[in-house]
Amino acid sequence: MTMDLTTPGEWIAWGGVVVPLIALAWSAVTYALAKRREVRHHQYQRFFQIMDHLGSADSSIASKMAAAYELRKYPEYAEVIINVCEKAEVEGPATQMLKEEMAATAAHMRGIT
């Protein structure tokens, strides 16, 4: 059975099916794009929170090591992460462990870019 769309009733029936489907598809695409922007914004905020934590004078070496490791989840910021990990001056007790973790993070980021 083919639909020739020869009568106004057939056109109306066809439009009654197709137009809502188009509207539904448009809504789904718009929602997906908005959700993607929201997720990117949250990732951006989280990245900067991690960077702030890494640069904080009040944080322990262990938590800074964890922050350096966490940076590996952000390959889109690889250039910045490599610069920070290679050029940051680390002082205080147990800094060698943090330096090693930051070097490992820089090496990891170099490997994925």
N, C-alpha and C. Protein backbone atom coordinates (compact mmCIF):
# COMPACT_ATOMS: atom_id res chain seq x y z
N MET A 1 0.85 -1.17 0.00
CA MET A 1 0.00 0.00 0.00
C MET A 1 0.90 1.24 0.00
N THR A 2 0.68 2.13 -0.95
CA THR A 2 1.45 3.36 -1.04
C THR A 2 0.55 4.52 -0.70
N MET A 3 1.16 5.57 -0.23
CA MET A 3 0.42 6.77 0.11
C MET A 3 0.74 7.80 -0.96
N ASP A 4 -0.25 8.12 -1.79
CA ASP A 4 -0.03 9.05 -2.89
C ASP A 4 -0.21 10.50 -2.49
N LEU A 5 -0.85 10.74 -1.38
CA LEU A 5 -1.13 12.08 -0.89
C LEU A 5 -1.85 12.92 -1.96
N THR A 6 -2.94 12.37 -2.43
CA THR A 6 -3.70 13.06 -3.48
C THR A 6 -4.86 13.87 -2.93
N THR A 7 -5.28 13.55 -1.74
CA THR A 7 -6.42 14.28 -1.18
C THR A 7 -5.97 15.08 0.03
N PRO A 8 -6.71 16.13 0.35
CA PRO A 8 -6.36 16.92 1.54
C PRO A 8 -6.37 16.09 2.83
N GLY A 9 -7.23 15.12 2.91
CA GLY A 9 -7.29 14.27 4.10
C GLY A 9 -6.02 13.46 4.27
N GLU A 10 -5.46 12.97 3.16
CA GLU A 10 -4.21 12.22 3.24
C GLU A 10 -3.06 13.13 3.67
N TRP A 11 -3.07 14.36 3.18
CA TRP A 11 -2.04 15.32 3.57
C TRP A 11 -2.13 15.64 5.07
N ILE A 12 -3.35 15.81 5.52
CA ILE A 12 -3.55 16.11 6.95
C ILE A 12 -3.11 14.92 7.81
N ALA A 13 -3.47 13.71 7.39
CA ALA A 13 -3.07 12.52 8.14
C ALA A 13 -1.54 12.39 8.16
N TRP A 14 -0.92 12.60 7.02
CA TRP A 14 0.53 12.53 6.93
C TRP A 14 1.18 13.58 7.82
N GLY A 15 0.67 14.80 7.74
CA GLY A 15 1.20 15.89 8.57
C GLY A 15 0.98 15.63 10.04
N GLY A 16 -0.12 14.99 10.38
CA GLY A 16 -0.42 14.68 11.78
C GLY A 16 0.56 13.68 12.37
N VAL A 17 1.23 12.92 11.54
CA VAL A 17 2.22 11.97 12.01
C VAL A 17 3.64 12.55 11.93
N VAL A 18 3.95 13.17 10.80
CA VAL A 18 5.31 13.62 10.53
C VAL A 18 5.68 14.85 11.35
N VAL A 19 4.81 15.83 11.43
CA VAL A 19 5.13 17.08 12.14
C VAL A 19 5.45 16.83 13.62
N PRO A 20 4.66 16.05 14.35
CA PRO A 20 5.03 15.77 15.74
C PRO A 20 6.35 15.00 15.87
N LEU A 21 6.62 14.10 14.91
CA LEU A 21 7.89 13.37 14.95
C LEU A 21 9.07 14.31 14.73
N ILE A 22 8.92 15.26 13.84
CA ILE A 22 9.97 16.25 13.61
C ILE A 22 10.18 17.10 14.86
N ALA A 23 9.09 17.52 15.46
CA ALA A 23 9.18 18.31 16.69
C ALA A 23 9.84 17.51 17.80
N LEU A 24 9.51 16.25 17.92
CA LEU A 24 10.11 15.38 18.93
C LEU A 24 11.61 15.21 18.69
N ALA A 25 11.98 14.99 17.44
CA ALA A 25 13.40 14.84 17.10
C ALA A 25 14.16 16.13 17.40
N TRP A 26 13.59 17.26 17.06
CA TRP A 26 14.23 18.56 17.32
C TRP A 26 14.43 18.77 18.82
N SER A 27 13.41 18.43 19.59
CA SER A 27 13.50 18.56 21.05
C SER A 27 14.59 17.66 21.61
N ALA A 28 14.70 16.44 21.10
CA ALA A 28 15.72 15.51 21.58
C ALA A 28 17.12 16.02 21.26
N VAL A 29 17.31 16.55 20.07
CA VAL A 29 18.62 17.08 19.69
C VAL A 29 18.97 18.30 20.54
N THR A 30 18.02 19.19 20.73
CA THR A 30 18.24 20.38 21.55
C THR A 30 18.58 20.00 22.99
N TYR A 31 17.88 19.03 23.54
CA TYR A 31 18.14 18.56 24.90
C TYR A 31 19.54 17.96 25.00
N ALA A 32 19.90 17.14 24.04
CA ALA A 32 21.22 16.49 24.06
C ALA A 32 22.33 17.53 23.98
N LEU A 33 22.17 18.53 23.15
CA LEU A 33 23.18 19.59 23.03
C LEU A 33 23.30 20.40 24.32
N ALA A 34 22.17 20.71 24.93
CA ALA A 34 22.17 21.45 26.19
C ALA A 34 22.83 20.62 27.30
N LYS A 35 22.55 19.33 27.33
CA LYS A 35 23.14 18.45 28.34
C LYS A 35 24.65 18.36 28.13
N ARG A 36 25.10 18.30 26.88
CA ARG A 36 26.53 18.24 26.58
C ARG A 36 27.23 19.51 27.06
N ARG A 37 26.60 20.68 26.83
CA ARG A 37 27.18 21.94 27.31
C ARG A 37 27.27 21.95 28.83
N GLU A 38 26.25 21.44 29.48
CA GLU A 38 26.23 21.39 30.95
C GLU A 38 27.35 20.49 31.48
N VAL A 39 27.53 19.34 30.86
CA VAL A 39 28.58 18.41 31.28
C VAL A 39 29.96 19.04 31.06
N ARG A 40 30.15 19.70 29.93
CA ARG A 40 31.44 20.36 29.66
C ARG A 40 31.71 21.46 30.68
N HIS A 41 30.68 22.20 31.05
CA HIS A 41 30.84 23.26 32.04
C HIS A 41 31.24 22.67 33.39
N HIS A 42 30.61 21.56 33.79
CA HIS A 42 30.96 20.91 35.06
C HIS A 42 32.40 20.39 35.02
N GLN A 43 32.80 19.84 33.88
CA GLN A 43 34.18 19.36 33.75
C GLN A 43 35.16 20.52 33.85
N TYR A 44 34.82 21.63 33.22
CA TYR A 44 35.66 22.83 33.28
C TYR A 44 35.80 23.30 34.73
N GLN A 45 34.70 23.37 35.45
CA GLN A 45 34.74 23.79 36.85
C GLN A 45 35.56 22.82 37.70
N ARG A 46 35.37 21.53 37.48
CA ARG A 46 36.09 20.52 38.26
C ARG A 46 37.59 20.60 37.98
N PHE A 47 37.97 20.80 36.72
CA PHE A 47 39.38 20.94 36.37
C PHE A 47 40.01 22.09 37.14
N PHE A 48 39.34 23.23 37.19
CA PHE A 48 39.90 24.37 37.90
C PHE A 48 39.90 24.17 39.41
N GLN A 49 38.97 23.43 39.94
CA GLN A 49 39.01 23.10 41.36
C GLN A 49 40.23 22.23 41.68
N ILE A 50 40.50 21.29 40.80
CA ILE A 50 41.66 20.42 40.99
C ILE A 50 42.95 21.23 40.91
N MET A 51 43.02 22.13 39.93
CA MET A 51 44.21 22.97 39.79
C MET A 51 44.39 23.86 41.01
N ASP A 52 43.31 24.43 41.52
CA ASP A 52 43.38 25.25 42.74
C ASP A 52 43.88 24.42 43.92
N HIS A 53 43.38 23.21 44.03
CA HIS A 53 43.80 22.33 45.13
C HIS A 53 45.28 22.01 45.01
N LEU A 54 45.73 21.75 43.81
CA LEU A 54 47.14 21.42 43.58
C LEU A 54 48.03 22.60 43.95
N GLY A 55 47.57 23.81 43.72
CA GLY A 55 48.35 25.00 44.03
C GLY A 55 48.16 25.54 45.43
N SER A 56 47.26 24.95 46.18
CA SER A 56 46.96 25.43 47.52
C SER A 56 48.10 25.13 48.49
N ALA A 57 48.42 26.11 49.31
CA ALA A 57 49.47 25.93 50.32
C ALA A 57 48.95 25.13 51.52
N ASP A 58 47.63 25.07 51.67
CA ASP A 58 47.03 24.41 52.83
C ASP A 58 46.81 22.91 52.65
N SER A 59 47.06 22.39 51.46
CA SER A 59 46.79 20.98 51.18
C SER A 59 47.97 20.10 51.54
N SER A 60 47.67 18.87 51.88
CA SER A 60 48.73 17.91 52.18
C SER A 60 49.37 17.41 50.89
N ILE A 61 50.56 16.87 51.01
CA ILE A 61 51.25 16.31 49.84
C ILE A 61 50.43 15.17 49.25
N ALA A 62 49.85 14.34 50.11
CA ALA A 62 49.05 13.21 49.63
C ALA A 62 47.85 13.68 48.81
N SER A 63 47.17 14.72 49.27
CA SER A 63 46.01 15.20 48.51
C SER A 63 46.45 15.88 47.22
N LYS A 64 47.61 16.51 47.23
CA LYS A 64 48.14 17.11 46.00
C LYS A 64 48.54 16.03 45.01
N MET A 65 49.08 14.92 45.52
CA MET A 65 49.41 13.80 44.64
C MET A 65 48.15 13.25 43.99
N ALA A 66 47.09 13.14 44.77
CA ALA A 66 45.82 12.67 44.23
C ALA A 66 45.29 13.66 43.18
N ALA A 67 45.45 14.95 43.43
CA ALA A 67 45.01 15.96 42.47
C ALA A 67 45.82 15.86 41.17
N ALA A 68 47.13 15.66 41.30
CA ALA A 68 47.97 15.51 40.11
C ALA A 68 47.54 14.29 39.31
N TYR A 69 47.24 13.21 39.99
CA TYR A 69 46.76 12.00 39.31
C TYR A 69 45.41 12.25 38.63
N GLU A 70 44.54 12.95 39.30
CA GLU A 70 43.19 13.25 38.77
C GLU A 70 43.26 14.07 37.49
N LEU A 71 44.28 14.88 37.34
CA LEU A 71 44.43 15.70 36.13
C LEU A 71 44.53 14.86 34.86
N ARG A 72 44.88 13.60 35.00
CA ARG A 72 45.00 12.72 33.83
C ARG A 72 43.66 12.49 33.14
N LYS A 73 42.58 12.81 33.81
CA LYS A 73 41.24 12.66 33.23
C LYS A 73 40.85 13.81 32.31
N TYR A 74 41.73 14.78 32.14
CA TYR A 74 41.41 15.98 31.37
C TYR A 74 42.38 16.16 30.20
N PRO A 75 42.34 15.29 29.22
CA PRO A 75 43.28 15.38 28.09
C PRO A 75 43.11 16.65 27.27
N GLU A 76 41.95 17.27 27.33
CA GLU A 76 41.73 18.50 26.56
C GLU A 76 42.57 19.67 27.09
N TYR A 77 43.08 19.53 28.30
CA TYR A 77 43.93 20.56 28.90
C TYR A 77 45.39 20.09 28.99
N ALA A 78 45.76 19.16 28.14
CA ALA A 78 47.08 18.52 28.21
C ALA A 78 48.23 19.53 28.22
N GLU A 79 48.18 20.51 27.36
CA GLU A 79 49.30 21.47 27.28
C GLU A 79 49.49 22.22 28.60
N VAL A 80 48.40 22.65 29.19
CA VAL A 80 48.47 23.38 30.47
C VAL A 80 48.95 22.44 31.57
N ILE A 81 48.42 21.25 31.59
CA ILE A 81 48.80 20.29 32.63
C ILE A 81 50.28 19.95 32.55
N ILE A 82 50.78 19.73 31.34
CA ILE A 82 52.20 19.43 31.16
C ILE A 82 53.05 20.59 31.66
N ASN A 83 52.68 21.82 31.28
CA ASN A 83 53.42 23.00 31.74
C ASN A 83 53.44 23.10 33.26
N VAL A 84 52.29 22.93 33.87
CA VAL A 84 52.20 23.04 35.33
C VAL A 84 53.03 21.94 35.99
N CYS A 85 52.86 20.73 35.52
CA CYS A 85 53.56 19.60 36.15
C CYS A 85 55.08 19.67 35.97
N GLU A 86 55.53 20.23 34.87
CA GLU A 86 56.97 20.30 34.63
C GLU A 86 57.62 21.55 35.22
N LYS A 87 56.86 22.61 35.38
CA LYS A 87 57.46 23.88 35.80
C LYS A 87 57.11 24.31 37.22
N ALA A 88 56.18 23.62 37.85
CA ALA A 88 55.77 24.01 39.20
C ALA A 88 56.91 23.79 40.18
N GLU A 89 57.06 24.73 41.09
CA GLU A 89 58.05 24.60 42.15
C GLU A 89 57.34 24.04 43.38
N VAL A 90 57.83 22.92 43.83
CA VAL A 90 57.22 22.22 44.95
C VAL A 90 58.17 22.29 46.13
N GLU A 91 57.65 22.73 47.28
CA GLU A 91 58.46 22.86 48.48
C GLU A 91 57.76 22.22 49.65
N GLY A 92 58.53 21.89 50.64
CA GLY A 92 57.97 21.33 51.86
C GLY A 92 58.34 19.88 52.04
N PRO A 93 57.80 19.27 53.12
CA PRO A 93 58.14 17.87 53.41
C PRO A 93 57.52 16.92 52.39
N ALA A 94 58.23 15.87 52.08
CA ALA A 94 57.76 14.80 51.19
C ALA A 94 57.49 15.29 49.76
N THR A 95 58.19 16.32 49.35
CA THR A 95 57.94 16.87 48.02
C THR A 95 58.40 15.96 46.90
N GLN A 96 59.34 15.08 47.16
CA GLN A 96 59.84 14.21 46.11
C GLN A 96 58.71 13.32 45.56
N MET A 97 57.84 12.85 46.45
CA MET A 97 56.71 12.02 46.01
C MET A 97 55.78 12.82 45.09
N LEU A 98 55.52 14.06 45.45
CA LEU A 98 54.66 14.91 44.63
C LEU A 98 55.33 15.20 43.28
N LYS A 99 56.61 15.49 43.30
CA LYS A 99 57.33 15.75 42.05
C LYS A 99 57.26 14.54 41.13
N GLU A 100 57.41 13.35 41.69
CA GLU A 100 57.33 12.12 40.90
C GLU A 100 55.94 11.92 40.31
N GLU A 101 54.91 12.22 41.10
CA GLU A 101 53.53 12.08 40.60
C GLU A 101 53.25 13.09 39.50
N MET A 102 53.73 14.30 39.67
CA MET A 102 53.54 15.33 38.65
C MET A 102 54.31 14.97 37.37
N ALA A 103 55.50 14.41 37.51
CA ALA A 103 56.27 13.96 36.33
C ALA A 103 55.53 12.82 35.63
N ALA A 104 54.95 11.91 36.40
CA ALA A 104 54.18 10.81 35.81
C ALA A 104 52.94 11.33 35.08
N THR A 105 52.31 12.34 35.66
CA THR A 105 51.14 12.94 35.01
C THR A 105 51.54 13.63 33.71
N ALA A 106 52.64 14.37 33.73
CA ALA A 106 53.13 15.03 32.51
C ALA A 106 53.47 13.99 31.44
N ALA A 107 54.11 12.91 31.84
CA ALA A 107 54.46 11.85 30.89
C ALA A 107 53.19 11.20 30.32
N HIS A 108 52.21 11.01 31.18
CA HIS A 108 50.94 10.43 30.72
C HIS A 108 50.27 11.35 29.69
N MET A 109 50.26 12.63 29.98
CA MET A 109 49.61 13.59 29.07
C MET A 109 50.38 13.67 27.75
N ARG A 110 51.67 13.58 27.80
CA ARG A 110 52.47 13.57 26.56
C ARG A 110 52.14 12.34 25.71
N GLY A 111 51.88 11.24 26.38
CA GLY A 111 51.57 9.99 25.68
C GLY A 111 50.22 9.98 24.99
N ILE A 112 49.30 10.81 25.43
CA ILE A 112 47.96 10.81 24.81
C ILE A 112 47.77 11.94 23.83
N THR A 113 48.72 12.87 23.74
CA THR A 113 48.58 13.98 22.78
C THR A 113 49.32 13.71 21.51
